[in-house]
Amino acid sequence: MNYYITTYQSSDYEALEALWISTGLGNAARGDNQQTIAETLALGGVLYVMKTEPENELIGTSWITNDGRRLYLHHFGIKPEYQKQGLSKPLLKKSLEFAKQMNRQIKLEVNRDNLPALTLYKKAGFTYLGDYLVYIIRKPNEINL
């Protein structure tokens, strides 16, 4: 199969959201929407999409945000029907080239039961940070202080 990796365009959003939903990576209800994407890109992030050639079907995604200190790899995944074909390796390589170009640390979160992803990330050089617990407030208007 032929594919290419390029940067996200707003015209990709519908296919991108469908991929995120099909892989469980995210959705607009979690704040993964066009506005948030645009804001993170303006802050120095990048969103790569992998597409088939010549059909231009969006089959992979790698969203990297930049907080000014380090990069965060989010929503890294391949469309289910294209998984287990080695496509995650070139997508991760492209993502890590961005980190190298920016000369910033890159961090990610991965489910401890996602063995294929853990294997991929470890082979790429990611190391385990320890037993950190991750918490989130998804609805800031519901903060109770």
Protein backbone atom coordinates (compact mmCIF):
# COMPACT_ATOMS: atom_id res chain seq x y z
CA MET A 1 0.00 0.00 0.00
CA ASN A 2 1.19 3.50 -0.78
CA TYR A 3 0.79 6.27 1.75
CA TYR A 4 2.10 9.71 2.56
CA ILE A 5 2.32 11.83 5.70
CA THR A 6 1.40 15.48 5.61
CA THR A 7 0.23 18.20 7.96
CA TYR A 8 -3.41 18.57 8.89
CA GLN A 9 -5.67 20.88 6.92
CA SER A 10 -9.08 21.97 8.21
CA SER A 11 -10.67 20.02 5.32
CA ASP A 12 -9.32 16.84 7.03
CA TYR A 13 -11.39 17.37 10.17
CA GLU A 14 -14.39 15.17 9.39
CA ALA A 15 -12.21 12.16 8.50
CA LEU A 16 -9.88 12.92 11.41
CA GLU A 17 -12.73 12.95 13.92
CA ALA A 18 -14.09 9.67 12.48
CA LEU A 19 -10.66 8.06 12.91
CA TRP A 20 -10.35 9.34 16.48
CA ILE A 21 -13.78 7.96 17.34
CA SER A 22 -13.09 4.59 15.70
CA THR A 23 -9.84 4.20 17.63
CA GLY A 24 -11.09 5.64 20.91
CA LEU A 25 -8.49 8.42 20.75
CA GLY A 26 -10.85 11.34 21.15
CA ASN A 27 -13.87 13.27 20.01
CA ALA A 28 -15.27 16.79 20.00
CA ALA A 29 -17.04 16.22 23.34
CA ARG A 30 -13.58 15.86 24.94
CA GLY A 31 -12.41 19.13 23.44
CA ASP A 32 -10.83 17.54 20.38
CA ASN A 33 -12.34 20.00 17.95
CA GLN A 34 -11.24 22.30 15.14
CA GLN A 35 -10.80 25.28 17.46
CA THR A 36 -8.55 23.37 19.85
CA ILE A 37 -6.52 21.99 16.97
CA ALA A 38 -6.02 25.50 15.55
CA GLU A 39 -5.01 26.87 18.96
CA THR A 40 -2.42 24.13 19.56
CA LEU A 41 -0.97 24.58 16.09
CA ALA A 42 -0.65 28.33 16.68
CA LEU A 43 1.32 27.56 19.86
CA GLY A 44 3.95 25.61 17.92
CA GLY A 45 2.42 22.18 17.69
CA VAL A 46 1.83 20.04 14.64
CA LEU A 47 -0.81 17.56 13.59
CA TYR A 48 0.33 14.95 11.09
CA VAL A 49 -2.09 12.86 9.09
CA MET A 50 -1.27 9.73 7.13
CA LYS A 51 -3.21 9.18 3.94
CA THR A 52 -3.40 6.47 1.30
CA GLU A 53 -2.18 7.19 -2.18
CA PRO A 54 -3.85 7.89 -4.59
CA GLU A 55 -7.20 7.73 -2.71
CA ASN A 56 -6.25 10.27 -0.02
CA GLU A 57 -8.07 8.27 2.66
CA LEU A 58 -7.02 9.49 6.11
CA ILE A 59 -5.71 6.41 7.95
CA GLY A 60 -3.38 7.73 10.66
CA THR A 61 -2.89 10.64 13.01
CA SER A 62 -0.22 12.09 15.28
CA TRP A 63 -1.00 15.30 17.18
CA ILE A 64 1.91 17.00 18.92
CA THR A 65 1.31 19.94 21.22
CA ASN A 66 3.92 22.32 22.58
CA ASP A 67 3.72 23.92 26.02
CA GLY A 68 6.95 25.88 25.56
CA ARG A 69 8.93 23.44 27.69
CA ARG A 70 8.20 20.06 26.14
CA LEU A 71 6.13 18.42 23.45
CA TYR A 72 3.24 16.04 24.07
CA LEU A 73 2.27 13.28 21.68
CA HIS A 74 -1.51 12.86 21.54
CA HIS A 75 -3.99 10.98 19.40
CA PHE A 76 -1.37 8.77 17.82
CA GLY A 77 -3.07 5.96 15.98
CA ILE A 78 -3.89 4.10 12.82
CA LYS A 79 -7.40 3.39 11.51
CA PRO A 80 -8.39 -0.10 12.76
CA GLU A 81 -8.57 -1.76 9.34
CA TYR A 82 -5.00 -0.58 8.58
CA GLN A 83 -3.44 -1.65 11.87
CA LYS A 84 -0.77 -4.37 12.08
CA GLN A 85 0.75 -3.35 8.74
CA GLY A 86 3.76 -1.46 10.11
CA LEU A 87 2.25 1.97 9.41
CA SER A 88 2.76 3.30 12.93
CA LYS A 89 6.55 3.20 12.55
CA PRO A 90 6.87 5.82 9.79
CA LEU A 91 4.25 7.99 11.48
CA LEU A 92 6.14 7.86 14.78
CA LYS A 93 9.43 8.52 12.98
CA LYS A 94 7.94 11.67 11.42
CA SER A 95 6.67 12.75 14.84
CA LEU A 96 10.03 12.22 16.52
CA GLU A 97 11.80 14.10 13.72
CA PHE A 98 9.63 17.08 14.67
CA ALA A 99 10.70 16.75 18.32
CA LYS A 100 14.33 16.60 17.25
CA GLN A 101 13.91 19.63 14.99
CA MET A 102 12.27 21.57 17.85
CA ASN A 103 14.98 20.31 20.27
CA ARG A 104 12.36 19.55 22.90
CA GLN A 105 11.56 16.59 25.14
CA ILE A 106 8.52 14.64 24.03
CA LYS A 107 6.13 12.95 26.43
CA LEU A 108 3.10 10.73 25.97
CA GLU A 109 0.48 8.81 27.89
CA VAL A 110 -0.42 5.26 26.92
CA ASN A 111 -2.76 2.71 28.41
CA ARG A 112 -0.74 0.08 30.26
CA ASP A 113 -2.70 -2.66 28.46
CA ASN A 114 -1.88 -1.37 24.97
CA LEU A 115 1.04 -3.74 24.39
CA PRO A 116 1.59 -2.96 20.68
CA ALA A 117 1.87 0.77 21.46
CA LEU A 118 4.12 0.16 24.47
CA THR A 119 6.44 -1.96 22.34
CA LEU A 120 6.56 0.67 19.60
CA TYR A 121 7.28 3.52 22.02
CA LYS A 122 9.95 1.61 23.93
CA LYS A 123 11.73 0.66 20.68
CA ALA A 124 11.69 4.34 19.71
CA GLY A 125 13.44 5.30 22.98
CA PHE A 126 10.62 6.37 25.27
CA THR A 127 11.25 5.44 28.89
CA TYR A 128 8.80 4.85 31.72
CA LEU A 129 8.56 7.76 34.18
CA GLY A 130 7.25 5.80 37.14
CA ASP A 131 3.94 5.29 38.82
CA TYR A 132 2.37 8.66 38.12
CA LEU A 133 -1.36 8.95 38.45
CA VAL A 134 -2.97 11.10 35.77
CA TYR A 135 -6.00 13.23 36.61
CA ILE A 136 -8.01 15.65 34.49
CA ILE A 137 -10.81 18.19 34.80
CA ARG A 138 -12.70 17.99 31.51
CA LYS A 139 -15.28 20.67 32.34
CA PRO A 140 -13.55 23.75 33.84
CA ASN A 141 -16.94 25.40 34.46
CA GLU A 142 -17.63 22.62 36.98
CA ILE A 143 -14.54 23.27 39.14
CA ASN A 144 -15.51 23.31 42.81
CA LEU A 145 -13.19 25.44 44.90
